[in-house]
All heavy atoms as atom14 arrays in JSON, in Angstrom:
{
  "sequence": "AGLVPKVVFWSEEYQDQHGFLPLCRQSGTRVVAVT",
  "atom14_mask": [
    [1, 1, 1, 1, 1, 0, 0, 0, 0, 0, 0, 0, 0, 0],
    [1, 1, 1, 1, 0, 0, 0, 0, 0, 0, 0, 0, 0, 0],
    [1, 1, 1, 1, 1, 1, 1, 1, 0, 0, 0, 0, 0, 0],
    [1, 1, 1, 1, 1, 1, 1, 0, 0, 0, 0, 0, 0, 0],
    [1, 1, 1, 1, 1, 1, 1, 0, 0, 0, 0, 0, 0, 0],
    [1, 1, 1, 1, 1, 1, 1, 1, 1, 0, 0, 0, 0, 0],
    [1, 1, 1, 1, 1, 1, 1, 0, 0, 0, 0, 0, 0, 0],
    [1, 1, 1, 1, 1, 1, 1, 0, 0, 0, 0, 0, 0, 0],
    [1, 1, 1, 1, 1, 1, 1, 1, 1, 1, 1, 0, 0, 0],
    [1, 1, 1, 1, 1, 1, 1, 1, 1, 1, 1, 1, 1, 1],
    [1, 1, 1, 1, 1, 1, 0, 0, 0, 0, 0, 0, 0, 0],
    [1, 1, 1, 1, 1, 1, 1, 1, 1, 0, 0, 0, 0, 0],
    [1, 1, 1, 1, 1, 1, 1, 1, 1, 0, 0, 0, 0, 0],
    [1, 1, 1, 1, 1, 1, 1, 1, 1, 1, 1, 1, 0, 0],
    [1, 1, 1, 1, 1, 1, 1, 1, 1, 0, 0, 0, 0, 0],
    [1, 1, 1, 1, 1, 1, 1, 1, 0, 0, 0, 0, 0, 0],
    [1, 1, 1, 1, 1, 1, 1, 1, 1, 0, 0, 0, 0, 0],
    [1, 1, 1, 1, 1, 1, 1, 1, 1, 1, 0, 0, 0, 0],
    [1, 1, 1, 1, 0, 0, 0, 0, 0, 0, 0, 0, 0, 0],
    [1, 1, 1, 1, 1, 1, 1, 1, 1, 1, 1, 0, 0, 0],
    [1, 1, 1, 1, 1, 1, 1, 1, 0, 0, 0, 0, 0, 0],
    [1, 1, 1, 1, 1, 1, 1, 0, 0, 0, 0, 0, 0, 0],
    [1, 1, 1, 1, 1, 1, 1, 1, 0, 0, 0, 0, 0, 0],
    [1, 1, 1, 1, 1, 1, 0, 0, 0, 0, 0, 0, 0, 0],
    [1, 1, 1, 1, 1, 1, 1, 1, 1, 1, 1, 0, 0, 0],
    [1, 1, 1, 1, 1, 1, 1, 1, 1, 0, 0, 0, 0, 0],
    [1, 1, 1, 1, 1, 1, 0, 0, 0, 0, 0, 0, 0, 0],
    [1, 1, 1, 1, 0, 0, 0, 0, 0, 0, 0, 0, 0, 0],
    [1, 1, 1, 1, 1, 1, 1, 0, 0, 0, 0, 0, 0, 0],
    [1, 1, 1, 1, 1, 1, 1, 1, 1, 1, 1, 0, 0, 0],
    [1, 1, 1, 1, 1, 1, 1, 0, 0, 0, 0, 0, 0, 0],
    [1, 1, 1, 1, 1, 1, 1, 0, 0, 0, 0, 0, 0, 0],
    [1, 1, 1, 1, 1, 0, 0, 0, 0, 0, 0, 0, 0, 0],
    [1, 1, 1, 1, 1, 1, 1, 0, 0, 0, 0, 0, 0, 0],
    [1, 1, 1, 1, 1, 1, 1, 0, 0, 0, 0, 0, 0, 0]
  ],
  "atom14_positions": [
    [[66.4, 61.89, 96.16], [66.57, 61.05, 97.38], [65.27, 60.99, 98.05], [65.13, 60.44, 99.19], [67.57, 61.54, 98.27], [0.0, 0.0, 0.0], [0.0, 0.0, 0.0], [0.0, 0.0, 0.0], [0.0, 0.0, 0.0], [0.0, 0.0, 0.0], [0.0, 0.0, 0.0], [0.0, 0.0, 0.0], [0.0, 0.0, 0.0], [0.0, 0.0, 0.0]],
    [[64.19, 61.57, 97.55], [62.88, 61.61, 98.18], [62.65, 62.74, 99.16], [61.69, 62.57, 99.89], [0.0, 0.0, 0.0], [0.0, 0.0, 0.0], [0.0, 0.0, 0.0], [0.0, 0.0, 0.0], [0.0, 0.0, 0.0], [0.0, 0.0, 0.0], [0.0, 0.0, 0.0], [0.0, 0.0, 0.0], [0.0, 0.0, 0.0], [0.0, 0.0, 0.0]],
    [[63.53, 63.68, 99.21], [63.51, 64.77, 100.2], [62.74, 65.85, 99.55], [63.42, 66.78, 99.05], [64.8, 65.06, 100.71], [65.63, 63.93, 101.43], [66.89, 64.31, 101.77], [64.83, 63.31, 102.65], [0.0, 0.0, 0.0], [0.0, 0.0, 0.0], [0.0, 0.0, 0.0], [0.0, 0.0, 0.0], [0.0, 0.0, 0.0], [0.0, 0.0, 0.0]],
    [[61.46, 65.9, 99.55], [60.65, 67.12, 98.89], [60.77, 68.26, 99.76], [60.4, 68.26, 100.94], [59.13, 66.72, 98.67], [58.44, 67.87, 98.09], [59.19, 65.43, 97.81], [0.0, 0.0, 0.0], [0.0, 0.0, 0.0], [0.0, 0.0, 0.0], [0.0, 0.0, 0.0], [0.0, 0.0, 0.0], [0.0, 0.0, 0.0], [0.0, 0.0, 0.0]],
    [[61.22, 69.46, 99.26], [61.44, 70.69, 99.96], [60.0, 71.15, 100.71], [58.93, 70.94, 100.09], [61.92, 71.72, 99.06], [62.37, 70.99, 97.9], [61.57, 69.72, 97.87], [0.0, 0.0, 0.0], [0.0, 0.0, 0.0], [0.0, 0.0, 0.0], [0.0, 0.0, 0.0], [0.0, 0.0, 0.0], [0.0, 0.0, 0.0], [0.0, 0.0, 0.0]],
    [[60.22, 71.57, 101.85], [59.01, 72.34, 102.5], [58.7, 73.67, 101.94], [57.57, 74.01, 101.69], [59.25, 72.35, 104.04], [58.14, 73.11, 104.84], [58.38, 73.3, 106.23], [57.34, 73.98, 106.98], [57.53, 73.95, 108.43], [0.0, 0.0, 0.0], [0.0, 0.0, 0.0], [0.0, 0.0, 0.0], [0.0, 0.0, 0.0], [0.0, 0.0, 0.0]],
    [[59.87, 74.43, 101.59], [59.81, 75.57, 100.95], [60.85, 75.8, 100.07], [61.93, 75.43, 100.33], [59.62, 76.7, 102.04], [60.71, 76.83, 102.97], [59.33, 78.16, 101.43], [0.0, 0.0, 0.0], [0.0, 0.0, 0.0], [0.0, 0.0, 0.0], [0.0, 0.0, 0.0], [0.0, 0.0, 0.0], [0.0, 0.0, 0.0], [0.0, 0.0, 0.0]],
    [[60.59, 76.59, 98.94], [61.7, 77.0, 97.95], [61.6, 78.38, 97.8], [60.42, 79.08, 97.5], [61.6, 76.21, 96.65], [62.45, 76.8, 95.58], [62.06, 74.75, 96.95], [0.0, 0.0, 0.0], [0.0, 0.0, 0.0], [0.0, 0.0, 0.0], [0.0, 0.0, 0.0], [0.0, 0.0, 0.0], [0.0, 0.0, 0.0], [0.0, 0.0, 0.0]],
    [[62.77, 79.09, 97.92], [62.92, 80.62, 97.53], [63.68, 80.62, 96.25], [64.56, 80.03, 96.03], [63.66, 81.23, 98.67], [63.0, 81.22, 100.01], [63.27, 80.18, 100.94], [62.08, 82.19, 100.49], [62.51, 80.2, 102.27], [61.49, 82.21, 101.77], [61.76, 81.1, 102.65], [0.0, 0.0, 0.0], [0.0, 0.0, 0.0], [0.0, 0.0, 0.0]],
    [[63.14, 81.67, 95.34], [63.9, 81.73, 94.14], [63.92, 83.28, 93.82], [63.15, 84.03, 94.28], [63.21, 80.95, 93.06], [61.78, 81.56, 92.7], [60.65, 81.38, 93.22], [61.44, 82.3, 91.6], [59.6, 81.91, 92.65], [60.14, 82.62, 91.59], [62.29, 83.03, 90.6], [59.45, 83.35, 90.62], [61.59, 83.72, 89.52], [60.36, 83.91, 89.69]],
    [[64.94, 83.66, 93.08], [65.06, 85.02, 92.55], [65.39, 85.07, 91.11], [65.51, 84.01, 90.47], [66.23, 85.74, 93.41], [67.53, 85.07, 93.09], [0.0, 0.0, 0.0], [0.0, 0.0, 0.0], [0.0, 0.0, 0.0], [0.0, 0.0, 0.0], [0.0, 0.0, 0.0], [0.0, 0.0, 0.0], [0.0, 0.0, 0.0], [0.0, 0.0, 0.0]],
    [[65.38, 86.25, 90.59], [65.47, 86.32, 89.08], [66.62, 85.72, 88.45], [66.54, 85.42, 87.21], [65.37, 87.83, 88.71], [66.51, 88.61, 89.28], [66.27, 90.07, 89.01], [65.19, 90.56, 88.67], [67.26, 90.89, 89.29], [0.0, 0.0, 0.0], [0.0, 0.0, 0.0], [0.0, 0.0, 0.0], [0.0, 0.0, 0.0], [0.0, 0.0, 0.0]],
    [[67.7, 85.5, 89.16], [68.96, 84.84, 88.58], [68.71, 83.4, 88.31], [69.38, 82.75, 87.42], [70.06, 84.82, 89.6], [70.6, 86.21, 89.79], [69.91, 87.04, 90.95], [68.88, 86.4, 91.49], [70.19, 88.24, 91.12], [0.0, 0.0, 0.0], [0.0, 0.0, 0.0], [0.0, 0.0, 0.0], [0.0, 0.0, 0.0], [0.0, 0.0, 0.0]],
    [[67.56, 82.72, 88.83], [67.42, 81.4, 88.63], [66.68, 81.11, 87.26], [65.67, 81.75, 87.02], [66.51, 80.76, 89.63], [66.1, 79.34, 89.61], [67.14, 78.33, 89.39], [64.79, 78.94, 89.59], [66.69, 77.03, 89.17], [64.56, 77.71, 89.23], [65.44, 76.58, 89.13], [64.99, 75.4, 89.0], [0.0, 0.0, 0.0], [0.0, 0.0, 0.0]],
    [[67.24, 80.3, 86.4], [66.72, 79.89, 85.14], [66.11, 78.56, 85.19], [66.8, 77.62, 85.3], [67.7, 79.96, 84.06], [68.39, 81.36, 83.89], [67.43, 82.45, 83.48], [66.56, 82.17, 82.67], [67.49, 83.68, 84.1], [0.0, 0.0, 0.0], [0.0, 0.0, 0.0], [0.0, 0.0, 0.0], [0.0, 0.0, 0.0], [0.0, 0.0, 0.0]],
    [[64.66, 78.44, 85.38], [64.16, 77.18, 85.67], [63.8, 76.39, 84.28], [62.89, 76.3, 83.81], [62.73, 77.34, 86.3], [62.27, 76.09, 86.94], [62.88, 75.07, 86.93], [60.97, 76.13, 87.23], [0.0, 0.0, 0.0], [0.0, 0.0, 0.0], [0.0, 0.0, 0.0], [0.0, 0.0, 0.0], [0.0, 0.0, 0.0], [0.0, 0.0, 0.0]],
    [[65.11, 75.85, 83.86], [65.02, 75.18, 82.55], [64.4, 73.82, 82.7], [63.89, 73.44, 81.51], [66.48, 74.99, 82.01], [67.27, 76.52, 81.78], [68.63, 76.19, 81.41], [69.28, 75.14, 81.6], [69.19, 77.24, 80.91], [0.0, 0.0, 0.0], [0.0, 0.0, 0.0], [0.0, 0.0, 0.0], [0.0, 0.0, 0.0], [0.0, 0.0, 0.0]],
    [[64.21, 73.3, 83.8], [63.71, 71.89, 83.7], [62.34, 71.83, 84.58], [61.87, 70.67, 84.9], [64.72, 70.97, 84.51], [65.97, 70.96, 83.88], [66.23, 70.32, 82.67], [67.2, 71.36, 84.3], [67.61, 70.34, 82.29], [68.1, 71.14, 83.3], [0.0, 0.0, 0.0], [0.0, 0.0, 0.0], [0.0, 0.0, 0.0], [0.0, 0.0, 0.0]],
    [[61.76, 73.05, 84.76], [60.33, 72.98, 85.31], [60.36, 72.62, 86.77], [59.39, 71.9, 87.18], [0.0, 0.0, 0.0], [0.0, 0.0, 0.0], [0.0, 0.0, 0.0], [0.0, 0.0, 0.0], [0.0, 0.0, 0.0], [0.0, 0.0, 0.0], [0.0, 0.0, 0.0], [0.0, 0.0, 0.0], [0.0, 0.0, 0.0], [0.0, 0.0, 0.0]],
    [[61.35, 72.84, 87.52], [61.51, 72.51, 88.82], [60.37, 73.04, 89.71], [59.8, 72.55, 90.62], [62.91, 72.74, 89.54], [63.03, 72.25, 90.83], [63.1, 70.86, 91.2], [63.23, 73.08, 91.98], [63.27, 70.47, 92.46], [63.57, 72.63, 93.23], [63.38, 71.32, 93.51], [0.0, 0.0, 0.0], [0.0, 0.0, 0.0], [0.0, 0.0, 0.0]],
    [[60.18, 74.52, 89.52], [59.27, 75.1, 90.32], [57.8, 74.71, 90.2], [57.09, 74.5, 91.26], [59.35, 76.72, 90.13], [60.75, 77.36, 90.56], [60.65, 78.93, 90.21], [60.94, 77.21, 92.0], [0.0, 0.0, 0.0], [0.0, 0.0, 0.0], [0.0, 0.0, 0.0], [0.0, 0.0, 0.0], [0.0, 0.0, 0.0], [0.0, 0.0, 0.0]],
    [[57.36, 74.57, 89.03], [55.97, 73.89, 88.84], [55.88, 72.55, 89.48], [54.9, 72.21, 90.17], [55.8, 73.83, 87.35], [56.73, 74.86, 86.81], [57.86, 74.91, 87.75], [0.0, 0.0, 0.0], [0.0, 0.0, 0.0], [0.0, 0.0, 0.0], [0.0, 0.0, 0.0], [0.0, 0.0, 0.0], [0.0, 0.0, 0.0], [0.0, 0.0, 0.0]],
    [[57.0, 71.67, 89.46], [56.93, 70.47, 90.01], [56.79, 70.55, 91.66], [56.01, 69.77, 92.21], [58.31, 69.71, 89.8], [58.39, 68.23, 90.14], [57.32, 67.36, 89.62], [59.81, 67.62, 89.88], [0.0, 0.0, 0.0], [0.0, 0.0, 0.0], [0.0, 0.0, 0.0], [0.0, 0.0, 0.0], [0.0, 0.0, 0.0], [0.0, 0.0, 0.0]],
    [[57.56, 71.58, 92.13], [57.45, 71.76, 93.6], [56.07, 72.24, 93.96], [55.46, 71.78, 95.0], [58.38, 72.97, 94.11], [60.09, 72.47, 94.08], [0.0, 0.0, 0.0], [0.0, 0.0, 0.0], [0.0, 0.0, 0.0], [0.0, 0.0, 0.0], [0.0, 0.0, 0.0], [0.0, 0.0, 0.0], [0.0, 0.0, 0.0], [0.0, 0.0, 0.0]],
    [[55.36, 73.15, 93.2], [54.01, 73.5, 93.49], [53.15, 72.29, 93.56], [52.32, 72.25, 94.35], [53.49, 74.56, 92.56], [54.3, 75.87, 92.73], [53.83, 77.02, 91.75], [54.52, 78.23, 91.87], [55.35, 78.64, 91.03], [55.69, 77.81, 89.99], [56.15, 79.75, 91.24], [0.0, 0.0, 0.0], [0.0, 0.0, 0.0], [0.0, 0.0, 0.0]],
    [[53.32, 71.35, 92.52], [52.42, 70.36, 92.36], [52.58, 69.29, 93.61], [51.6, 68.55, 93.91], [52.77, 69.49, 91.14], [52.31, 70.19, 89.83], [52.95, 69.57, 88.59], [53.42, 68.47, 88.63], [52.94, 70.42, 87.45], [0.0, 0.0, 0.0], [0.0, 0.0, 0.0], [0.0, 0.0, 0.0], [0.0, 0.0, 0.0], [0.0, 0.0, 0.0]],
    [[53.79, 69.46, 94.23], [53.95, 68.46, 95.19], [53.7, 69.06, 96.56], [53.92, 68.46, 97.77], [55.58, 68.09, 95.28], [55.72, 67.34, 94.14], [0.0, 0.0, 0.0], [0.0, 0.0, 0.0], [0.0, 0.0, 0.0], [0.0, 0.0, 0.0], [0.0, 0.0, 0.0], [0.0, 0.0, 0.0], [0.0, 0.0, 0.0], [0.0, 0.0, 0.0]],
    [[53.16, 70.35, 96.68], [52.88, 70.91, 97.88], [53.83, 71.85, 98.57], [53.66, 72.34, 99.63], [0.0, 0.0, 0.0], [0.0, 0.0, 0.0], [0.0, 0.0, 0.0], [0.0, 0.0, 0.0], [0.0, 0.0, 0.0], [0.0, 0.0, 0.0], [0.0, 0.0, 0.0], [0.0, 0.0, 0.0], [0.0, 0.0, 0.0], [0.0, 0.0, 0.0]],
    [[54.92, 72.03, 97.87], [56.0, 72.79, 98.39], [55.56, 74.33, 98.14], [55.04, 74.7, 97.19], [57.33, 72.65, 97.62], [57.68, 71.27, 97.75], [58.41, 73.53, 98.06], [0.0, 0.0, 0.0], [0.0, 0.0, 0.0], [0.0, 0.0, 0.0], [0.0, 0.0, 0.0], [0.0, 0.0, 0.0], [0.0, 0.0, 0.0], [0.0, 0.0, 0.0]],
    [[55.87, 75.02, 99.18], [55.59, 76.56, 99.32], [56.71, 77.2, 98.4], [57.85, 77.04, 98.67], [55.39, 77.13, 100.56], [54.95, 78.62, 100.65], [54.65, 79.01, 101.96], [55.79, 79.35, 102.78], [56.14, 78.69, 103.71], [55.68, 77.56, 104.05], [57.36, 79.09, 104.45], [0.0, 0.0, 0.0], [0.0, 0.0, 0.0], [0.0, 0.0, 0.0]],
    [[56.32, 77.9, 97.35], [57.27, 78.53, 96.41], [57.25, 80.17, 96.64], [56.26, 80.59, 96.49], [57.12, 78.2, 95.01], [58.08, 78.96, 94.06], [57.16, 76.7, 94.78], [0.0, 0.0, 0.0], [0.0, 0.0, 0.0], [0.0, 0.0, 0.0], [0.0, 0.0, 0.0], [0.0, 0.0, 0.0], [0.0, 0.0, 0.0], [0.0, 0.0, 0.0]],
    [[58.35, 80.74, 97.08], [58.33, 82.07, 97.37], [59.31, 82.84, 96.59], [60.58, 82.4, 96.43], [58.7, 82.23, 98.84], [58.78, 83.76, 99.32], [57.83, 81.44, 99.8], [0.0, 0.0, 0.0], [0.0, 0.0, 0.0], [0.0, 0.0, 0.0], [0.0, 0.0, 0.0], [0.0, 0.0, 0.0], [0.0, 0.0, 0.0], [0.0, 0.0, 0.0]],
    [[59.09, 84.01, 95.95], [59.93, 84.8, 95.23], [60.49, 85.87, 96.07], [59.94, 86.4, 96.9], [59.15, 85.59, 94.02], [0.0, 0.0, 0.0], [0.0, 0.0, 0.0], [0.0, 0.0, 0.0], [0.0, 0.0, 0.0], [0.0, 0.0, 0.0], [0.0, 0.0, 0.0], [0.0, 0.0, 0.0], [0.0, 0.0, 0.0], [0.0, 0.0, 0.0]],
    [[61.78, 86.04, 95.95], [62.64, 87.11, 96.62], [63.53, 87.79, 95.67], [63.72, 87.31, 94.62], [63.46, 86.45, 97.78], [62.56, 85.6, 98.81], [64.52, 85.58, 97.19], [0.0, 0.0, 0.0], [0.0, 0.0, 0.0], [0.0, 0.0, 0.0], [0.0, 0.0, 0.0], [0.0, 0.0, 0.0], [0.0, 0.0, 0.0], [0.0, 0.0, 0.0]],
    [[63.89, 88.95, 96.15], [64.81, 89.82, 95.29], [66.23, 89.13, 95.33], [66.55, 88.36, 96.32], [64.89, 91.16, 95.82], [65.55, 91.27, 97.07], [63.56, 91.84, 95.8], [0.0, 0.0, 0.0], [0.0, 0.0, 0.0], [0.0, 0.0, 0.0], [0.0, 0.0, 0.0], [0.0, 0.0, 0.0], [0.0, 0.0, 0.0], [0.0, 0.0, 0.0]]
  ]
}
């Protein structure tokens, strides 16, 4: 819908099968790892 996240938090349970996190980084979204 064109709503690019300002920040994304992810933990080890997330399986990034479609490359969403790299796409976020490329778009300027802050990507933060948490337990």
